[in-house]
């Protein structure tokens, strides 16, 4: 029997979020420590991570050190990871060699799966595959194609891609598309922060627990969760476990979000017709509104961040 714990998208950063009044870094580290305690108490064989350890491929030394310290509490069990879009530069997984993800590997707390690599080298029940983020991974299902090394084993595939059970207005792949190309029995999905739980398509199990981080106000009511896989021979039992060290919306949400909404959805859009703008430049418009209305810098930064988040979703630059 094998017991495997999976979580994804911690998006650690040292800078405070304008939308949150708590210490974001410490909040995520507390959740990682809780996940380590779960892994230790259940005595799992492997811990898997679906990408995006950080919000930026090169965070501060403090962020890296604190993450290493938290991961060392997982009792030295293997933590197997793939690379998310925020762990690399230019949508190129080869750049991780000069980014902070490589420090985690050199510190001996995380192993990153290379393309085509199977882990562990020898096992009688499972084999683990990973698809690192790269350009086109949200558009072409062939990028998510894997072949079993041993047809008698349960194959687990980790992907950092928008593999979704519904249509969206940004580039994504359907569960059916991916089920049609991969030989994996279990597909663990990162990148999609909302999560959609457990779905079964064509005999394959898709699991999307959602992000551990709640870095957007649309996420504040969601309870972060991890996945426990219990595998015995050909029987797979997936279970979602909600974390307990999760603050309520009123404990983390800043009180000035109405000002942010006013900047984004009030003055911002009305200014498009009232001002003489030769080109559509949202960042410049937000700057102009913030100056004219004497908007707090914190509100301005959050308005810009939320605009950028929306733009990334639309133009596939998440």
Protein backbone atom coordinates (compact mmCIF):
# COMPACT_ATOMS: atom_id res chain seq x y z
CA UNK A 1 0.00 0.00 0.00
CA UNK A 2 1.13 3.55 -0.77
CA UNK A 3 -0.05 6.76 0.88
CA UNK A 4 0.64 9.99 -0.97
CA UNK A 5 -0.10 13.58 0.02
CA UNK A 6 -0.49 16.28 -2.64
CA UNK A 7 -0.79 20.07 -2.45
CA UNK A 8 -0.06 22.94 -4.80
CA UNK A 9 0.41 26.67 -5.44
CA UNK A 10 1.74 28.19 -2.22
CA UNK A 11 2.87 31.41 -3.98
CA UNK A 12 5.18 32.47 -1.17
CA UNK A 13 6.41 36.06 -1.16
CA UNK A 14 7.88 38.45 1.36
CA UNK A 15 5.87 41.47 0.28
CA UNK A 16 2.54 41.98 2.01
CA UNK A 17 -0.62 41.82 -0.09
CA UNK A 18 -2.63 45.01 -0.27
CA UNK A 19 -5.86 43.03 -0.08
CA UNK A 20 -4.86 41.30 3.17
CA UNK A 21 -4.15 42.79 6.58
CA UNK A 22 -2.35 39.72 7.98
CA UNK A 23 1.21 38.58 7.38
CA UNK A 24 0.79 36.64 4.12
CA UNK A 25 4.16 34.88 4.30
CA UNK A 26 3.61 33.61 7.83
CA UNK A 27 0.06 32.56 7.00
CA UNK A 28 1.26 30.32 4.15
CA UNK A 29 4.16 28.96 6.20
CA UNK A 30 1.70 27.95 8.94
CA UNK A 31 -0.29 26.00 6.37
CA UNK A 32 2.84 24.29 5.06
CA UNK A 33 3.76 23.29 8.61
CA UNK A 34 0.24 21.90 9.10
CA UNK A 35 0.62 19.91 5.87
CA UNK A 36 3.91 18.53 7.20
CA UNK A 37 2.16 17.48 10.40
CA UNK A 38 -0.54 15.72 8.37
CA UNK A 39 2.10 13.91 6.31
CA UNK A 40 3.95 12.83 9.45
CA UNK A 41 0.85 11.74 11.38
CA UNK A 42 -0.46 9.63 8.49
CA UNK A 43 3.07 8.45 7.70
CA UNK A 44 2.73 9.00 3.96
CA UNK A 45 5.27 7.53 1.60
CA UNK A 46 5.60 10.57 -0.66
CA UNK A 47 4.59 14.23 -0.67
CA UNK A 48 3.84 15.72 -4.10
CA UNK A 49 3.68 19.39 -5.06
CA UNK A 50 2.02 20.78 -8.20
CA UNK A 51 4.12 23.88 -8.84
CA UNK A 52 4.39 27.58 -7.95
CA UNK A 53 6.25 27.51 -4.67
CA UNK A 54 6.79 31.24 -5.07
CA UNK A 55 4.99 34.23 -6.55
CA UNK A 56 8.23 35.20 -8.27
CA UNK A 57 11.07 32.93 -9.44
CA UNK A 58 13.60 34.83 -7.29
CA UNK A 59 12.03 35.85 -3.96
CA UNK A 60 13.99 37.24 -1.01
CA UNK A 61 16.46 35.14 0.96
CA UNK A 62 14.10 35.29 3.94
CA UNK A 63 11.32 33.59 1.97
CA UNK A 64 13.62 30.82 0.73
CA UNK A 65 15.15 30.19 4.17
CA UNK A 66 11.79 30.06 5.93
CA UNK A 67 10.39 27.65 3.32
CA UNK A 68 13.40 25.35 3.66
CA UNK A 69 12.98 25.39 7.44
CA UNK A 70 9.29 24.46 7.09
CA UNK A 71 9.98 21.66 4.61
CA UNK A 72 12.66 20.14 6.83
CA UNK A 73 9.87 19.35 9.31
CA UNK A 74 8.43 16.80 6.85
CA UNK A 75 10.71 14.21 8.50
CA UNK A 76 13.01 13.95 5.48
CA UNK A 77 10.41 12.09 3.40
CA UNK A 78 10.67 12.76 -0.34
CA UNK A 79 8.90 15.91 -1.56
CA UNK A 80 8.49 15.55 -5.30
CA UNK A 81 7.60 18.67 -7.29
CA UNK A 82 7.03 20.03 -10.75
CA UNK A 83 7.70 23.61 -11.86
CA UNK A 84 4.92 26.17 -12.06
CA UNK A 85 4.89 29.28 -14.21
CA UNK A 86 6.00 31.42 -11.25
CA UNK A 87 8.99 29.17 -10.53
CA UNK A 88 10.61 29.86 -13.92
CA UNK A 89 11.23 32.66 -16.40
CA UNK A 90 9.84 33.07 -19.90
CA UNK A 91 7.72 29.92 -19.62
CA UNK A 92 10.94 27.95 -19.97
CA UNK A 93 11.44 25.19 -17.35
CA UNK A 94 15.17 25.08 -18.06
CA UNK A 95 15.58 28.47 -16.36
CA UNK A 96 14.89 26.90 -12.94
CA UNK A 97 18.60 26.05 -12.71
CA UNK A 98 19.33 29.69 -11.93
CA UNK A 99 16.22 30.43 -9.86
CA UNK A 100 15.15 29.83 -6.26
CA UNK A 101 13.57 26.49 -7.07
CA UNK A 102 17.08 25.17 -7.63
CA UNK A 103 18.05 26.27 -4.11
CA UNK A 104 15.27 24.09 -2.70
CA UNK A 105 16.70 21.16 -4.63
CA UNK A 106 20.29 21.85 -3.60
CA UNK A 107 19.15 22.11 0.02
CA UNK A 108 17.85 18.56 -0.28
CA UNK A 109 14.25 19.36 0.66
CA UNK A 110 12.62 19.08 -2.79
CA UNK A 111 13.20 16.95 -5.87
CA UNK A 112 12.00 18.44 -9.16
CA UNK A 113 10.96 15.96 -11.81
CA UNK A 114 12.63 16.45 -15.18
CA UNK A 115 10.60 16.04 -18.34
CA UNK A 116 10.26 12.33 -19.06
CA UNK A 117 11.58 11.32 -15.63
CA UNK A 118 9.71 8.73 -13.57
CA UNK A 119 9.86 8.56 -9.78
CA UNK A 120 10.64 6.46 -7.82
CA UNK A 121 13.19 4.52 -9.88
CA UNK A 122 11.84 1.23 -8.51
CA UNK A 123 8.41 0.65 -6.97
CA UNK A 124 5.99 -2.26 -6.93
CA UNK A 125 2.76 -0.21 -6.93
CA UNK A 126 3.12 3.28 -8.39
CA UNK A 127 5.05 5.47 -10.79
CA UNK A 128 5.00 9.27 -10.66
CA UNK A 129 5.29 11.49 -13.74
CA UNK A 130 5.43 15.28 -13.96
CA UNK A 131 4.69 17.86 -16.63
CA UNK A 132 6.53 21.11 -15.94
CA UNK A 133 4.94 24.37 -17.01
CA UNK A 134 5.97 25.66 -20.43
CA UNK A 135 4.61 27.70 -23.30
CA UNK A 136 1.62 25.94 -24.87
CA UNK A 137 0.86 23.62 -21.97
CA UNK A 138 -2.62 25.17 -21.59
CA UNK A 139 -3.42 24.76 -25.29
CA UNK A 140 -2.03 21.51 -26.62
CA UNK A 141 -3.05 18.27 -24.88
CA UNK A 142 -0.05 16.48 -26.40
CA UNK A 143 2.14 18.34 -23.90
CA UNK A 144 0.39 16.32 -21.17
CA UNK A 145 0.86 12.95 -22.86
CA UNK A 146 2.71 10.34 -20.81
CA UNK A 147 3.29 6.63 -21.30
CA UNK A 148 3.41 4.15 -18.47
CA UNK A 149 6.76 2.61 -17.78
CA UNK A 150 5.01 -0.45 -16.32
CA UNK A 151 1.41 -1.13 -17.35
CA UNK A 152 0.81 -3.06 -14.13
CA UNK A 153 1.46 -0.03 -11.90
CA UNK A 154 -0.78 2.91 -10.99
CA UNK A 155 0.57 5.94 -12.84
CA UNK A 156 0.25 9.37 -11.23
CA UNK A 157 0.74 12.46 -13.36
CA UNK A 158 1.24 15.96 -11.94
CA UNK A 159 0.45 18.86 -14.28
CA UNK A 160 0.64 22.62 -13.84
CA UNK A 161 -1.94 23.56 -16.43
CA UNK A 162 -5.50 24.77 -16.79
CA UNK A 163 -7.09 21.33 -17.12
CA UNK A 164 -10.71 22.18 -16.40
CA UNK A 165 -14.14 20.50 -16.30
CA UNK A 166 -15.77 23.52 -17.95
CA UNK A 167 -15.19 25.96 -20.80
CA UNK A 168 -13.44 29.23 -19.98
CA UNK A 169 -12.65 32.50 -21.74
CA UNK A 170 -8.92 31.80 -21.49
CA UNK A 171 -6.79 28.99 -22.91
CA UNK A 172 -7.43 25.70 -21.17
CA UNK A 173 -7.80 21.98 -21.79
CA UNK A 174 -10.81 19.80 -21.06
CA UNK A 175 -10.65 16.69 -18.91
CA UNK A 176 -11.71 14.67 -21.94
CA UNK A 177 -8.84 16.01 -24.05
CA UNK A 178 -6.26 15.07 -21.46
CA UNK A 179 -7.86 11.70 -20.71
CA UNK A 180 -7.58 10.91 -24.40
CA UNK A 181 -3.80 11.34 -24.57
CA UNK A 182 -2.37 10.27 -21.21
CA UNK A 183 -1.90 6.76 -19.87
CA UNK A 184 -1.93 8.08 -16.29
CA UNK A 185 -4.56 6.68 -13.94
CA UNK A 186 -4.51 9.76 -11.68
CA UNK A 187 -3.97 13.34 -12.88
CA UNK A 188 -3.15 15.86 -10.14
CA UNK A 189 -3.88 19.38 -11.37
CA UNK A 190 -2.16 22.56 -10.20
CA UNK A 191 -2.35 26.14 -11.53
CA UNK A 192 -6.14 26.51 -11.14
CA UNK A 193 -6.51 28.26 -7.79
CA UNK A 194 -10.23 27.71 -7.22
CA UNK A 195 -9.96 23.93 -7.52
CA UNK A 196 -12.81 21.61 -8.50
CA UNK A 197 -12.27 18.56 -6.35
CA UNK A 198 -12.37 15.02 -7.71
CA UNK A 199 -13.68 14.15 -11.18
CA UNK A 200 -13.66 10.87 -13.08
CA UNK A 201 -13.45 10.75 -16.88
CA UNK A 202 -12.93 7.67 -19.04
CA UNK A 203 -11.67 5.61 -16.12
CA UNK A 204 -9.16 8.29 -15.04
CA UNK A 205 -9.24 10.34 -11.84
CA UNK A 206 -8.65 14.09 -12.07
CA UNK A 207 -8.03 15.91 -8.78
CA UNK A 208 -7.76 19.67 -8.37
CA UNK A 209 -7.61 20.75 -4.69
CA UNK A 210 -6.96 24.41 -5.48
CA UNK A 211 -4.23 26.70 -4.26
CA UNK A 212 -2.94 26.71 -0.71
CA UNK A 213 -2.55 30.48 -1.08
CA UNK A 214 -5.49 32.86 -1.09
CA UNK A 215 -3.87 35.83 -2.81
CA UNK A 216 -7.05 37.28 -4.30
CA UNK A 217 -10.17 38.60 -2.55
CA UNK A 218 -12.25 36.15 -4.59
CA UNK A 219 -10.48 33.37 -2.68
CA UNK A 220 -11.01 34.54 0.89
CA UNK A 221 -14.03 32.32 1.61
CA UNK A 222 -12.38 29.17 0.23
CA UNK A 223 -10.80 26.68 2.64
CA UNK A 224 -7.41 25.45 1.32
CA UNK A 225 -7.10 21.68 1.16
CA UNK A 226 -4.71 18.84 0.35
CA UNK A 227 -5.21 15.46 -1.29
CA UNK A 228 -4.53 12.10 0.32
CA UNK A 229 -4.18 9.18 -2.07
CA UNK A 230 -4.31 5.66 -0.66
CA UNK A 231 -3.26 3.10 -3.26
CA UNK A 232 -3.30 -0.65 -2.75
CA UNK A 233 -2.71 -2.84 -5.78
CA UNK A 234 -5.12 -1.41 -8.37
CA UNK A 235 -7.46 0.23 -5.87
CA UNK A 236 -7.23 4.01 -5.55
CA UNK A 237 -8.94 5.92 -2.75
CA UNK A 238 -8.67 9.74 -3.06
CA UNK A 239 -9.63 12.02 -0.20
CA UNK A 240 -9.66 15.81 0.17
CA UNK A 241 -8.53 17.12 3.57
CA UNK A 242 -9.36 20.72 4.50
CA UNK A 243 -6.71 22.58 6.46
CA UNK A 244 -7.55 23.87 9.93
CA UNK A 245 -5.15 26.79 10.30
CA UNK A 246 -7.19 28.99 8.00
CA UNK A 247 -8.27 32.50 8.92
CA UNK A 248 -11.75 33.76 8.16
CA UNK A 249 -12.38 36.51 5.61
CA UNK A 250 -12.93 39.15 8.30
CA UNK A 251 -9.55 38.27 9.82
CA UNK A 252 -7.58 38.91 6.63
CA UNK A 253 -9.59 41.27 4.42
CA UNK A 254 -8.63 44.92 4.47
CA UNK A 255 -11.38 47.45 5.07
CA UNK A 256 -10.48 49.70 2.14
CA UNK A 257 -11.52 47.27 -0.61
CA UNK A 258 -14.49 49.47 -1.43
CA UNK A 259 -12.01 52.13 -2.48
CA UNK A 260 -10.29 49.60 -4.73
CA UNK A 261 -13.59 48.62 -6.33
CA UNK A 262 -14.37 52.29 -6.86
CA UNK A 263 -11.05 52.86 -8.64
CA UNK A 264 -11.41 49.74 -10.78
CA UNK A 265 -15.10 49.68 -11.58
CA UNK A 266 -16.13 53.31 -11.09
CA UNK A 267 -13.70 56.02 -12.15
CA UNK A 268 -11.62 53.58 -14.20
CA UNK A 269 -14.27 52.70 -16.78
CA UNK A 270 -15.97 56.09 -16.86
CA UNK A 271 -12.59 57.67 -17.54
CA UNK A 272 -12.30 55.76 -20.80
CA UNK A 273 -14.86 58.09 -22.38
CA UNK A 274 -14.29 61.22 -20.31
CA UNK A 275 -10.55 61.51 -20.77
CA UNK A 276 -8.68 62.12 -23.99
CA UNK A 277 -6.75 58.90 -24.31
CA UNK A 278 -5.08 58.13 -27.59
CA UNK A 279 -4.55 54.52 -26.58
CA UNK A 280 -6.05 52.09 -24.10
CA UNK A 281 -3.53 52.12 -21.27
CA UNK A 282 -5.18 50.82 -18.08
CA UNK A 283 -2.08 51.20 -15.92
CA UNK A 284 -1.72 54.86 -16.87
CA UNK A 285 -5.43 55.49 -16.29
CA UNK A 286 -5.32 53.94 -12.82
CA UNK A 287 -2.27 56.09 -12.03
CA UNK A 288 -4.11 59.22 -13.21
CA UNK A 289 -7.25 58.41 -11.23
CA UNK A 290 -5.25 57.64 -8.09
CA UNK A 291 -3.45 60.98 -8.34
CA UNK A 292 -6.60 63.01 -9.10
CA UNK A 293 -8.68 61.37 -6.36
CA UNK A 294 -5.81 61.29 -3.83
CA UNK A 295 -6.20 57.52 -3.52
CA UNK A 296 -3.96 55.80 -0.99
CA UNK A 297 -0.87 54.16 -2.54
CA UNK A 298 -1.89 50.82 -1.05
CA UNK A 299 -5.26 51.02 -2.82
CA UNK A 300 -3.54 51.96 -6.08
CA UNK A 301 -1.17 48.99 -5.85
CA UNK A 302 -4.05 46.60 -5.20
CA UNK A 303 -6.05 48.05 -8.11
CA UNK A 304 -3.06 47.54 -10.40
CA UNK A 305 -2.50 44.03 -9.07
CA UNK A 306 -6.12 43.05 -9.64
CA UNK A 307 -6.06 44.50 -13.14
CA UNK A 308 -2.89 42.54 -13.89
CA UNK A 309 -4.48 39.35 -12.51
CA UNK A 310 -7.47 39.79 -14.80
CA UNK A 311 -5.26 40.54 -17.79
CA UNK A 312 -3.15 37.45 -17.15
CA UNK A 313 -6.22 35.24 -17.16
CA UNK A 314 -7.46 36.71 -20.41
CA UNK A 315 -4.12 36.76 -22.23
CA UNK A 316 -2.69 33.55 -20.81
CA UNK A 317 0.13 35.25 -18.93
CA UNK A 318 -0.62 33.76 -15.55
